[in-house]
Amino acid sequence: MTGLAVLFALLGAASNAMGTAFQRKAASRVAEGGGLRLILQLARQPPWLIGIAGVTGAALFQALALANGPLSLVQPLFILELPFALMIAIPLLHRRLPRAGWWAVAGVVAGLGLVLLSAAPSGARSDASMERWIPVLILCLGTVAVAVAVAVARPGRPPLFRAAVLGSASAISNALTAALLKSAVGTLDDDGFVAFLGVWQTYGFVVTGVVAVLLLENALQAGPLVASQPALTIGDATLSLLLGVTLFDETIRTGWWLLPELIGAGVVLWGVLRLTRVVPHLADMAH
């Protein structure tokens, strides 16, 4: 089961990365604008349709991964979406990645591997009592609300600050969405489709998922990628691990294992920071 969870999580990360890359390629072919007209223009672009298929496939793979493995294992693997997106987008957009970028990709992969091998997340539950859900929902949704209020209340705040705050809010929403999705998929697996439609978690993950996407778009518009991406990447993985332990009684190694876990997390953070500095300059590296 754990092997299937890892496989589906990797396929999900790759599928979402493919979707993002093809959507960006399609967007580069149409005139700037917004609203329904932009959507209609994009819908005529085969790369955009491929991108939508990639995002849809990612959601399916994520659900399958969460049905077969612990939240604290599945969500951290989605960190690999960033290097996957680069490796797909670079040839697609006729760009090249400098040597420093490849070292950063290697750092993300190696650091994540060290974290997961050291932590060895495990757990098979997908249900949690309302006594556990209520404080989790209050803390997560309350924090998101405060973050949005802080970012919106003073538009004149530095772009780095606003992007980091909104990126953190998106990360919290992503982690909460994954937890709700895991619970809903568990109901589907155990009790069938009718029961799946009857539990509040099914509608909860739809709402929080939409919120996460909106916050992500605002974070990317608010400031540079170097501010929002680390909060998104590390925040989602860290909170997912905590939610897995809190809601579903998942376990990770502690004691001296914390040392390699922290080292691995540091390497991942270094790689993500390096990649976010490389990405904005890819446009200047065309063949």
C-alpha atoms as a PDB file:
ATOM      1  CA  MET A   1       0.000   0.000   0.000  1.00  0.00           C
ATOM      2  CA  THR A   2       2.795   2.431   0.850  1.00  0.00           C
ATOM      3  CA  GLY A   3       4.462   1.697  -2.488  1.00  0.00           C
ATOM      4  CA  LEU A   4       1.229   2.524  -4.307  1.00  0.00           C
ATOM      5  CA  ALA A   5       0.883   5.743  -2.300  1.00  0.00           C
ATOM      6  CA  VAL A   6       4.380   6.838  -3.314  1.00  0.00           C
ATOM      7  CA  LEU A   7       3.773   5.915  -6.961  1.00  0.00           C
ATOM      8  CA  PHE A   8       0.466   7.780  -7.159  1.00  0.00           C
ATOM      9  CA  ALA A   9       1.903  10.811  -5.332  1.00  0.00           C
ATOM     10  CA  LEU A  10       4.807  11.003  -7.797  1.00  0.00           C
ATOM     11  CA  LEU A  11       2.409  10.661 -10.725  1.00  0.00           C
ATOM     12  CA  GLY A  12       0.260  13.390  -9.188  1.00  0.00           C
ATOM     13  CA  ALA A  13       3.204  15.759  -8.787  1.00  0.00           C
ATOM     14  CA  ALA A  14       4.355  15.078 -12.355  1.00  0.00           C
ATOM     15  CA  SER A  15       0.820  15.440 -13.737  1.00  0.00           C
ATOM     16  CA  ASN A  16       0.256  18.754 -11.981  1.00  0.00           C
ATOM     17  CA  ALA A  17       3.657  19.987 -13.164  1.00  0.00           C
ATOM     18  CA  MET A  18       2.764  19.019 -16.728  1.00  0.00           C
ATOM     19  CA  GLY A  19      -0.559  20.815 -16.422  1.00  0.00           C
ATOM     20  CA  THR A  20       1.111  23.982 -15.174  1.00  0.00           C
ATOM     21  CA  ALA A  21       3.759  23.936 -17.897  1.00  0.00           C
ATOM     22  CA  PHE A  22       1.290  23.445 -20.754  1.00  0.00           C
ATOM     23  CA  GLN A  23      -1.088  26.069 -19.369  1.00  0.00           C
ATOM     24  CA  ARG A  24       1.742  28.593 -19.272  1.00  0.00           C
ATOM     25  CA  LYS A  25       2.705  27.707 -22.845  1.00  0.00           C
ATOM     26  CA  ALA A  26      -0.883  28.262 -23.967  1.00  0.00           C
ATOM     27  CA  ALA A  27      -1.113  31.560 -22.077  1.00  0.00           C
ATOM     28  CA  SER A  28       2.006  32.822 -23.848  1.00  0.00           C
ATOM     29  CA  ARG A  29       0.251  32.385 -27.216  1.00  0.00           C
ATOM     30  CA  VAL A  30      -2.797  34.549 -26.523  1.00  0.00           C
ATOM     31  CA  ALA A  31      -3.211  38.268 -26.052  1.00  0.00           C
ATOM     32  CA  GLU A  32      -3.251  39.639 -22.535  1.00  0.00           C
ATOM     33  CA  GLY A  33      -6.636  39.984 -20.941  1.00  0.00           C
ATOM     34  CA  GLY A  34      -9.016  38.328 -18.562  1.00  0.00           C
ATOM     35  CA  GLY A  35     -12.497  37.015 -17.996  1.00  0.00           C
ATOM     36  CA  LEU A  36     -14.512  34.748 -20.277  1.00  0.00           C
ATOM     37  CA  ARG A  37     -12.811  35.992 -23.451  1.00  0.00           C
ATOM     38  CA  LEU A  38      -9.427  34.780 -22.191  1.00  0.00           C
ATOM     39  CA  ILE A  39     -10.877  31.367 -21.299  1.00  0.00           C
ATOM     40  CA  LEU A  40     -12.422  31.031 -24.766  1.00  0.00           C
ATOM     41  CA  GLN A  41      -9.115  31.926 -26.389  1.00  0.00           C
ATOM     42  CA  LEU A  42      -7.246  29.440 -24.240  1.00  0.00           C
ATOM     43  CA  ALA A  43      -9.799  26.695 -24.955  1.00  0.00           C
ATOM     44  CA  ARG A  44      -8.788  26.845 -28.627  1.00  0.00           C
ATOM     45  CA  GLN A  45      -5.178  26.058 -27.714  1.00  0.00           C
ATOM     46  CA  PRO A  46      -4.328  22.322 -27.610  1.00  0.00           C
ATOM     47  CA  PRO A  47      -1.590  22.929 -24.978  1.00  0.00           C
ATOM     48  CA  TRP A  48      -4.199  24.453 -22.640  1.00  0.00           C
ATOM     49  CA  LEU A  49      -6.448  21.400 -22.988  1.00  0.00           C
ATOM     50  CA  ILE A  50      -3.450  19.188 -22.230  1.00  0.00           C
ATOM     51  CA  GLY A  51      -2.775  21.363 -19.192  1.00  0.00           C
ATOM     52  CA  ILE A  52      -6.340  20.978 -17.910  1.00  0.00           C
ATOM     53  CA  ALA A  53      -6.061  17.220 -18.368  1.00  0.00           C
ATOM     54  CA  GLY A  54      -2.824  17.295 -16.355  1.00  0.00           C
ATOM     55  CA  VAL A  55      -4.407  19.176 -13.452  1.00  0.00           C
ATOM     56  CA  THR A  56      -7.428  16.840 -13.488  1.00  0.00           C
ATOM     57  CA  GLY A  57      -5.148  13.810 -13.493  1.00  0.00           C
ATOM     58  CA  ALA A  58      -3.179  15.254 -10.581  1.00  0.00           C
ATOM     59  CA  ALA A  59      -6.343  15.485  -8.471  1.00  0.00           C
ATOM     60  CA  LEU A  60      -7.186  11.858  -9.261  1.00  0.00           C
ATOM     61  CA  PHE A  61      -3.664  10.652  -8.477  1.00  0.00           C
ATOM     62  CA  GLN A  62      -3.656  12.599  -5.204  1.00  0.00           C
ATOM     63  CA  ALA A  63      -6.926  10.949  -4.151  1.00  0.00           C
ATOM     64  CA  LEU A  64      -5.522   7.505  -5.010  1.00  0.00           C
ATOM     65  CA  ALA A  65      -2.306   8.254  -3.121  1.00  0.00           C
ATOM     66  CA  LEU A  66      -4.187   9.375  -0.006  1.00  0.00           C
ATOM     67  CA  ALA A  67      -6.367   6.269  -0.190  1.00  0.00           C
ATOM     68  CA  ASN A  68      -3.261   4.074  -0.074  1.00  0.00           C
ATOM     69  CA  GLY A  69      -0.925   5.887   2.305  1.00  0.00           C
ATOM     70  CA  PRO A  70      -0.605   8.369   5.154  1.00  0.00           C
ATOM     71  CA  LEU A  71      -1.091  12.097   4.638  1.00  0.00           C
ATOM     72  CA  SER A  72       2.327  12.738   6.194  1.00  0.00           C
ATOM     73  CA  LEU A  73       3.935  10.726   3.368  1.00  0.00           C
ATOM     74  CA  VAL A  74       1.829  11.761   0.376  1.00  0.00           C
ATOM     75  CA  GLN A  75       1.763  15.548   0.692  1.00  0.00           C
ATOM     76  CA  PRO A  76       5.533  16.076   1.168  1.00  0.00           C
ATOM     77  CA  LEU A  77       6.098  14.182  -2.086  1.00  0.00           C
ATOM     78  CA  PHE A  78       4.217  16.946  -3.911  1.00  0.00           C
ATOM     79  CA  ILE A  79       7.260  19.140  -3.228  1.00  0.00           C
ATOM     80  CA  LEU A  80       8.664  17.431  -6.324  1.00  0.00           C
ATOM     81  CA  GLU A  81       6.122  19.305  -8.437  1.00  0.00           C
ATOM     82  CA  LEU A  82       8.522  22.269  -8.629  1.00  0.00           C
ATOM     83  CA  PRO A  83      11.494  20.375 -10.134  1.00  0.00           C
ATOM     84  CA  PHE A  84       9.110  18.335 -12.313  1.00  0.00           C
ATOM     85  CA  ALA A  85       7.605  21.570 -13.651  1.00  0.00           C
ATOM     86  CA  LEU A  86      11.036  22.924 -14.493  1.00  0.00           C
ATOM     87  CA  MET A  87      12.127  19.767 -16.300  1.00  0.00           C
ATOM     88  CA  ILE A  88       8.925  19.782 -18.367  1.00  0.00           C
ATOM     89  CA  ALA A  89       8.741  23.531 -19.031  1.00  0.00           C
ATOM     90  CA  ILE A  90      12.385  24.023 -20.038  1.00  0.00           C
ATOM     91  CA  PRO A  91      12.259  21.969 -23.273  1.00  0.00           C
ATOM     92  CA  LEU A  92       8.627  22.949 -23.864  1.00  0.00           C
ATOM     93  CA  LEU A  93       9.462  26.670 -23.777  1.00  0.00           C
ATOM     94  CA  HIS A  94      12.859  26.209 -25.465  1.00  0.00           C
ATOM     95  CA  ARG A  95      14.876  27.339 -22.454  1.00  0.00           C
ATOM     96  CA  ARG A  96      17.897  25.931 -20.694  1.00  0.00           C
ATOM     97  CA  LEU A  97      18.557  25.443 -17.005  1.00  0.00           C
ATOM     98  CA  PRO A  98      21.972  26.576 -15.711  1.00  0.00           C
ATOM     99  CA  ARG A  99      24.169  24.239 -13.696  1.00  0.00           C
ATOM    100  CA  ALA A 100      23.124  25.924 -10.444  1.00  0.00           C
ATOM    101  CA  GLY A 101      19.520  25.047 -11.261  1.00  0.00           C
ATOM    102  CA  TRP A 102      20.338  21.359 -11.717  1.00  0.00           C
ATOM    103  CA  TRP A 103      22.189  21.349  -8.382  1.00  0.00           C
ATOM    104  CA  ALA A 104      19.081  22.866  -6.805  1.00  0.00           C
ATOM    105  CA  VAL A 105      16.856  20.160  -8.319  1.00  0.00           C
ATOM    106  CA  ALA A 106      19.213  17.497  -6.965  1.00  0.00           C
ATOM    107  CA  GLY A 107      19.096  19.191  -3.558  1.00  0.00           C
ATOM    108  CA  VAL A 108      15.291  19.141  -3.427  1.00  0.00           C
ATOM    109  CA  VAL A 109      15.148  15.458  -4.390  1.00  0.00           C
ATOM    110  CA  ALA A 110      17.952  14.364  -2.054  1.00  0.00           C
ATOM    111  CA  GLY A 111      16.698  16.467   0.869  1.00  0.00           C
ATOM    112  CA  LEU A 112      13.146  15.172   0.527  1.00  0.00           C
ATOM    113  CA  GLY A 113      14.406  11.602   0.314  1.00  0.00           C
ATOM    114  CA  LEU A 114      16.434  12.080   3.506  1.00  0.00           C
ATOM    115  CA  VAL A 115      13.412  13.547   5.354  1.00  0.00           C
ATOM    116  CA  LEU A 116      11.045  10.760   4.361  1.00  0.00           C
ATOM    117  CA  LEU A 117      13.504   7.913   4.923  1.00  0.00           C
ATOM    118  CA  SER A 118      14.364   9.317   8.356  1.00  0.00           C
ATOM    119  CA  ALA A 119      10.790  10.084   9.387  1.00  0.00           C
ATOM    120  CA  ALA A 120       9.317   6.850   7.933  1.00  0.00           C
ATOM    121  CA  PRO A 121       5.689   8.106   8.099  1.00  0.00           C
ATOM    122  CA  SER A 122       3.141   5.370   8.764  1.00  0.00           C
ATOM    123  CA  GLY A 123      -0.559   5.055   9.490  1.00  0.00           C
ATOM    124  CA  ALA A 124      -3.652   3.503   7.975  1.00  0.00           C
ATOM    125  CA  ARG A 125      -6.575   5.516   9.352  1.00  0.00           C
ATOM    126  CA  SER A 126      -8.672   7.896   7.292  1.00  0.00           C
ATOM    127  CA  ASP A 127     -11.334   8.781   9.862  1.00  0.00           C
ATOM    128  CA  ALA A 128     -11.190  11.323  12.663  1.00  0.00           C
ATOM    129  CA  SER A 129     -13.726  12.358  15.268  1.00  0.00           C
ATOM    130  CA  MET A 130     -15.298  15.822  15.300  1.00  0.00           C
ATOM    131  CA  GLU A 131     -13.462  16.432  18.577  1.00  0.00           C
ATOM    132  CA  ARG A 132     -10.283  16.392  16.488  1.00  0.00           C
ATOM    133  CA  TRP A 133     -11.667  18.161  13.432  1.00  0.00           C
ATOM    134  CA  ILE A 134     -13.129  21.169  15.262  1.00  0.00           C
ATOM    135  CA  PRO A 135      -9.867  22.576  16.718  1.00  0.00           C
ATOM    136  CA  VAL A 136      -8.036  21.817  13.455  1.00  0.00           C
ATOM    137  CA  LEU A 137     -10.644  23.697  11.418  1.00  0.00           C
ATOM    138  CA  ILE A 138     -10.679  26.627  13.836  1.00  0.00           C
ATOM    139  CA  LEU A 139      -6.900  26.970  13.849  1.00  0.00           C
ATOM    140  CA  CYS A 140      -6.389  26.491  10.111  1.00  0.00           C
ATOM    141  CA  LEU A 141      -9.288  28.610   8.871  1.00  0.00           C
ATOM    142  CA  GLY A 142      -8.656  31.241  11.535  1.00  0.00           C
ATOM    143  CA  THR A 143      -5.004  31.531  10.537  1.00  0.00           C
ATOM    144  CA  VAL A 144      -5.930  31.817   6.862  1.00  0.00           C
ATOM    145  CA  ALA A 145      -8.463  34.546   7.659  1.00  0.00           C
ATOM    146  CA  VAL A 146      -5.915  36.503   9.704  1.00  0.00           C
ATOM    147  CA  ALA A 147      -3.283  36.158   6.956  1.00  0.00           C
ATOM    148  CA  VAL A 148      -5.684  37.448   4.307  1.00  0.00           C
ATOM    149  CA  ALA A 149      -6.760  40.319   6.555  1.00  0.00           C
ATOM    150  CA  VAL A 150      -3.136  41.307   7.187  1.00  0.00           C
ATOM    151  CA  ALA A 151      -2.298  41.186   3.465  1.00  0.00           C
ATOM    152  CA  VAL A 152      -5.410  43.092   2.365  1.00  0.00           C
ATOM    153  CA  ALA A 153      -5.661  45.636   5.193  1.00  0.00           C
ATOM    154  CA  ARG A 154      -2.494  47.420   4.138  1.00  0.00           C
ATOM    155  CA  PRO A 155      -1.881  47.082   0.375  1.00  0.00           C
ATOM    156  CA  GLY A 156       1.227  49.230   0.752  1.00  0.00           C
ATOM    157  CA  ARG A 157       3.133  46.557   2.647  1.00  0.00           C
ATOM    158  CA  PRO A 158       6.323  45.299   0.930  1.00  0.00           C
ATOM    159  CA  PRO A 159       5.623  42.800  -1.893  1.00  0.00           C
ATOM    160  CA  LEU A 160       7.898  40.209  -0.263  1.00  0.00           C
ATOM    161  CA  PHE A 161       5.841  40.338   2.930  1.00  0.00           C
ATOM    162  CA  ARG A 162       2.463  40.108   1.185  1.00  0.00           C
ATOM    163  CA  ALA A 163       3.592  37.256  -1.072  1.00  0.00           C
ATOM    164  CA  ALA A 164       4.984  35.293   1.880  1.00  0.00           C
ATOM    165  CA  VAL A 165       1.809  35.803   3.946  1.00  0.00           C
ATOM    166  CA  LEU A 166      -0.541  34.823   1.118  1.00  0.00           C
ATOM    167  CA  GLY A 167       1.729  31.922   0.178  1.00  0.00           C
ATOM    168  CA  SER A 168       1.553  30.662   3.754  1.00  0.00           C
ATOM    169  CA  ALA A 169      -2.248  30.962   3.717  1.00  0.00           C
ATOM    170  CA  SER A 170      -2.372  28.966   0.476  1.00  0.00           C
ATOM    171  CA  ALA A 171      -0.117  26.299   1.992  1.00  0.00           C
ATOM    172  CA  ILE A 172      -2.437  25.951   5.005  1.00  0.00           C
ATOM    173  CA  SER A 173      -5.443  25.666   2.690  1.00  0.00           C
ATOM    174  CA  ASN A 174      -3.653  23.024   0.588  1.00  0.00           C
ATOM    175  CA  ALA A 175      -2.793  20.909   3.624  1.00  0.00           C
ATOM    176  CA  LEU A 176      -6.329  21.173   5.006  1.00  0.00           C
ATOM    177  CA  THR A 177      -7.739  20.254   1.574  1.00  0.00           C
ATOM    178  CA  ALA A 178      -5.576  17.132   1.491  1.00  0.00           C
ATOM    179  CA  ALA A 179      -6.712  16.107   4.989  1.00  0.00           C
ATOM    180  CA  LEU A 180     -10.379  16.563   4.058  1.00  0.00           C
ATOM    181  CA  LEU A 181      -9.826  14.706   0.781  1.00  0.00           C
ATOM    182  CA  LYS A 182      -8.201  11.790   2.611  1.00  0.00           C
ATOM    183  CA  SER A 183     -11.169  11.519   4.968  1.00  0.00           C
ATOM    184  CA  ALA A 184     -13.701  11.739   2.134  1.00  0.00           C
ATOM    185  CA  VAL A 185     -11.864   9.168  -0.006  1.00  0.00           C
ATOM    186  CA  GLY A 186     -11.713   6.863   3.014  1.00  0.00           C
ATOM    187  CA  THR A 187     -15.511   7.074   3.275  1.00  0.00           C
ATOM    188  CA  LEU A 188     -15.811   6.338  -0.449  1.00  0.00           C
ATOM    189  CA  ASP A 189     -13.572   3.296  -0.100  1.00  0.00           C
ATOM    190  CA  ASP A 190     -15.316   1.937   2.992  1.00  0.00           C
ATOM    191  CA  ASP A 191     -18.982   2.810   2.446  1.00  0.00           C
ATOM    192  CA  GLY A 192     -19.479   3.660  -1.224  1.00  0.00           C
ATOM    193  CA  PHE A 193     -20.402   6.653  -3.359  1.00  0.00           C
ATOM    194  CA  VAL A 194     -23.676   7.529  -1.641  1.00  0.00           C
ATOM    195  CA  ALA A 195     -21.918   7.780   1.723  1.00  0.00           C
ATOM    196  CA  PHE A 196     -19.158   9.837   0.058  1.00  0.00           C
ATOM    197  CA  LEU A 197     -21.764  12.378  -1.047  1.00  0.00           C
ATOM    198  CA  GLY A 198     -23.259  12.441   2.433  1.00  0.00           C
ATOM    199  CA  VAL A 199     -20.198  13.466   4.471  1.00  0.00           C
ATOM    200  CA  TRP A 200     -19.274  17.102   5.045  1.00  0.00           C
ATOM    201  CA  GLN A 201     -15.597  16.486   4.242  1.00  0.00           C
ATOM    202  CA  THR A 202     -16.493  15.954   0.567  1.00  0.00           C
ATOM    203  CA  TYR A 203     -17.827  19.489   0.264  1.00  0.00           C
ATOM    204  CA  GLY A 204     -15.178  20.830   2.604  1.00  0.00           C
ATOM    205  CA  PHE A 205     -12.256  19.811   0.380  1.00  0.00           C
ATOM    206  CA  VAL A 206     -13.950  21.395  -2.643  1.00  0.00           C
ATOM    207  CA  VAL A 207     -14.318  24.728  -0.844  1.00  0.00           C
ATOM    208  CA  THR A 208     -10.826  24.755   0.691  1.00  0.00           C
ATOM    209  CA  GLY A 209      -9.335  23.638  -2.619  1.00  0.00           C
ATOM    210  CA  VAL A 210     -10.873  26.610  -4.428  1.00  0.00           C
ATOM    211  CA  VAL A 211      -9.665  28.921  -1.648  1.00  0.00           C
ATOM    212  CA  ALA A 212      -6.140  27.485  -1.951  1.00  0.00           C
ATOM    213  CA  VAL A 213      -6.061  28.188  -5.702  1.00  0.00           C
ATOM    214  CA  LEU A 214      -7.321  31.758  -5.268  1.00  0.00           C
ATOM    215  CA  LEU A 215      -4.765  32.440  -2.545  1.00  0.00           C
ATOM    216  CA  LEU A 216      -2.008  30.996  -4.718  1.00  0.00           C
ATOM    217  CA  GLU A 217      -2.900  33.283  -7.618  1.00  0.00           C
ATOM    218  CA  ASN A 218      -2.913  36.301  -5.305  1.00  0.00           C
ATOM    219  CA  ALA A 219       0.400  35.268  -3.734  1.00  0.00           C
ATOM    220  CA  LEU A 220       2.043  35.026  -7.156  1.00  0.00           C
ATOM    221  CA  GLN A 221       0.665  38.446  -8.127  1.00  0.00           C
ATOM    222  CA  ALA A 222       1.581  40.078  -4.810  1.00  0.00           C
ATOM    223  CA  GLY A 223       5.336  39.583  -5.012  1.00  0.00           C
ATOM    224  CA  PRO A 224       8.275  37.571  -6.332  1.00  0.00           C
ATOM    225  CA  LEU A 225       8.310  33.775  -6.426  1.00  0.00           C
ATOM    226  CA  VAL A 226      11.227  33.723  -3.984  1.00  0.00           C
ATOM    227  CA  ALA A 227       8.851  35.015  -1.297  1.00  0.00           C
ATOM    228  CA  SER A 228       5.811  32.794  -1.876  1.00  0.00           C
ATOM    229  CA  GLN A 229       7.280  29.466  -3.046  1.00  0.00           C
ATOM    230  CA  PRO A 230       9.245  28.519   0.123  1.00  0.00           C
ATOM    231  CA  ALA A 231       6.167  29.194   2.257  1.00  0.00           C
ATOM    232  CA  LEU A 232       4.040  27.136  -0.120  1.00  0.00           C
ATOM    233  CA  THR A 233       6.448  24.231  -0.391  1.00  0.00           C
ATOM    234  CA  ILE A 234       7.687  23.847   3.170  1.00  0.00           C
ATOM    235  CA  GLY A 235       4.446  25.046   4.778  1.00  0.00           C
ATOM    236  CA  ASP A 236       2.227  22.539   2.978  1.00  0.00           C
ATOM    237  CA  ALA A 237       4.527  19.598   3.740  1.00  0.00           C
ATOM    238  CA  THR A 238       5.061  20.536   7.390  1.00  0.00           C
ATOM    239  CA  LEU A 239       1.400  21.169   8.177  1.00  0.00           C
ATOM    240  CA  SER A 240       0.339  17.999   6.333  1.00  0.00           C
ATOM    241  CA  LEU A 241       2.691  16.019   8.540  1.00  0.00           C
ATOM    242  CA  LEU A 242       1.204  17.633  11.665  1.00  0.00           C
ATOM    243  CA  LEU A 243      -2.368  17.062  10.473  1.00  0.00           C
ATOM    244  CA  GLY A 244      -1.606  13.427   9.731  1.00  0.00           C
ATOM    245  CA  VAL A 245      -0.362  12.927  13.289  1.00  0.00           C
ATOM    246  CA  THR A 246      -3.155  14.981  14.899  1.00  0.00           C
ATOM    247  CA  LEU A 247      -6.157  13.743  12.922  1.00  0.00           C
ATOM    248  CA  PHE A 248      -5.280  10.248  11.764  1.00  0.00           C
ATOM    249  CA  ASP A 249      -2.822   9.015  14.424  1.00  0.00           C
ATOM    250  CA  GLU A 250      -0.003   8.746  11.889  1.00  0.00           C
ATOM    251  CA  THR A 251       3.468   8.269  13.313  1.00  0.00           C
ATOM    252  CA  ILE A 252       6.954   9.470  12.429  1.00  0.00           C
ATOM    253  CA  ARG A 253      10.320   8.698  13.950  1.00  0.00           C
ATOM    254  CA  THR A 254      11.578  11.074  16.609  1.00  0.00           C
ATOM    255  CA  GLY A 255      14.597  11.051  18.925  1.00  0.00           C
ATOM    256  CA  TRP A 256      17.908  11.143  17.110  1.00  0.00           C
ATOM    257  CA  TRP A 257      16.041  10.735  13.803  1.00  0.00           C
ATOM    258  CA  LEU A 258      15.082  14.392  14.126  1.00  0.00           C
ATOM    259  CA  LEU A 259      18.652  15.385  13.185  1.00  0.00           C
ATOM    260  CA  PRO A 260      18.660  13.910   9.648  1.00  0.00           C
ATOM    261  CA  GLU A 261      15.047  15.064   9.243  1.00  0.00           C
ATOM    262  CA  LEU A 262      16.051  18.652   9.978  1.00  0.00           C
ATOM    263  CA  ILE A 263      19.120  18.396   7.750  1.00  0.00           C
ATOM    264  CA  GLY A 264      16.976  17.075   4.899  1.00  0.00           C
ATOM    265  CA  ALA A 265      14.416  19.848   5.400  1.00  0.00           C
ATOM    266  CA  GLY A 266      17.223  22.404   5.278  1.00  0.00           C
ATOM    267  CA  VAL A 267      18.516  20.964   2.001  1.00  0.00           C
ATOM    268  CA  VAL A 268      15.004  21.067   0.529  1.00  0.00           C
ATOM    269  CA  LEU A 269      14.602  24.703   1.580  1.00  0.00           C
ATOM    270  CA  TRP A 270      17.983  25.574   0.048  1.00  0.00           C
ATOM    271  CA  GLY A 271      17.019  23.877  -3.220  1.00  0.00           C
ATOM    272  CA  VAL A 272      13.638  25.596  -3.387  1.00  0.00           C
ATOM    273  CA  LEU A 273      15.185  29.011  -2.731  1.00  0.00           C
ATOM    274  CA  ARG A 274      17.771  28.414  -5.456  1.00  0.00           C
ATOM    275  CA  LEU A 275      15.116  27.305  -7.932  1.00  0.00           C
ATOM    276  CA  THR A 276      12.903  30.314  -7.243  1.00  0.00           C
ATOM    277  CA  ARG A 277      15.867  32.552  -8.048  1.00  0.00           C
ATOM    278  CA  VAL A 278      16.599  30.683 -11.281  1.00  0.00           C
ATOM    279  CA  VAL A 279      13.033  30.521 -12.645  1.00  0.00           C
ATOM    280  CA  PRO A 280      12.486  34.282 -13.240  1.00  0.00           C
ATOM    281  CA  HIS A 281      15.690  34.426 -15.280  1.00  0.00           C
ATOM    282  CA  LEU A 282      14.868  31.553 -17.615  1.00  0.00           C
ATOM    283  CA  ALA A 283      13.386  34.004 -20.084  1.00  0.00           C
ATOM    284  CA  ASP A 284      16.865  35.458 -20.551  1.00  0.00           C
ATOM    285  CA  MET A 285      18.391  32.050 -21.322  1.00  0.00           C
ATOM    286  CA  ALA A 286      16.673  31.141 -24.549  1.00  0.00           C
ATOM    287  CA  HIS A 287      18.690  29.372 -27.225  1.00  0.00           C
END
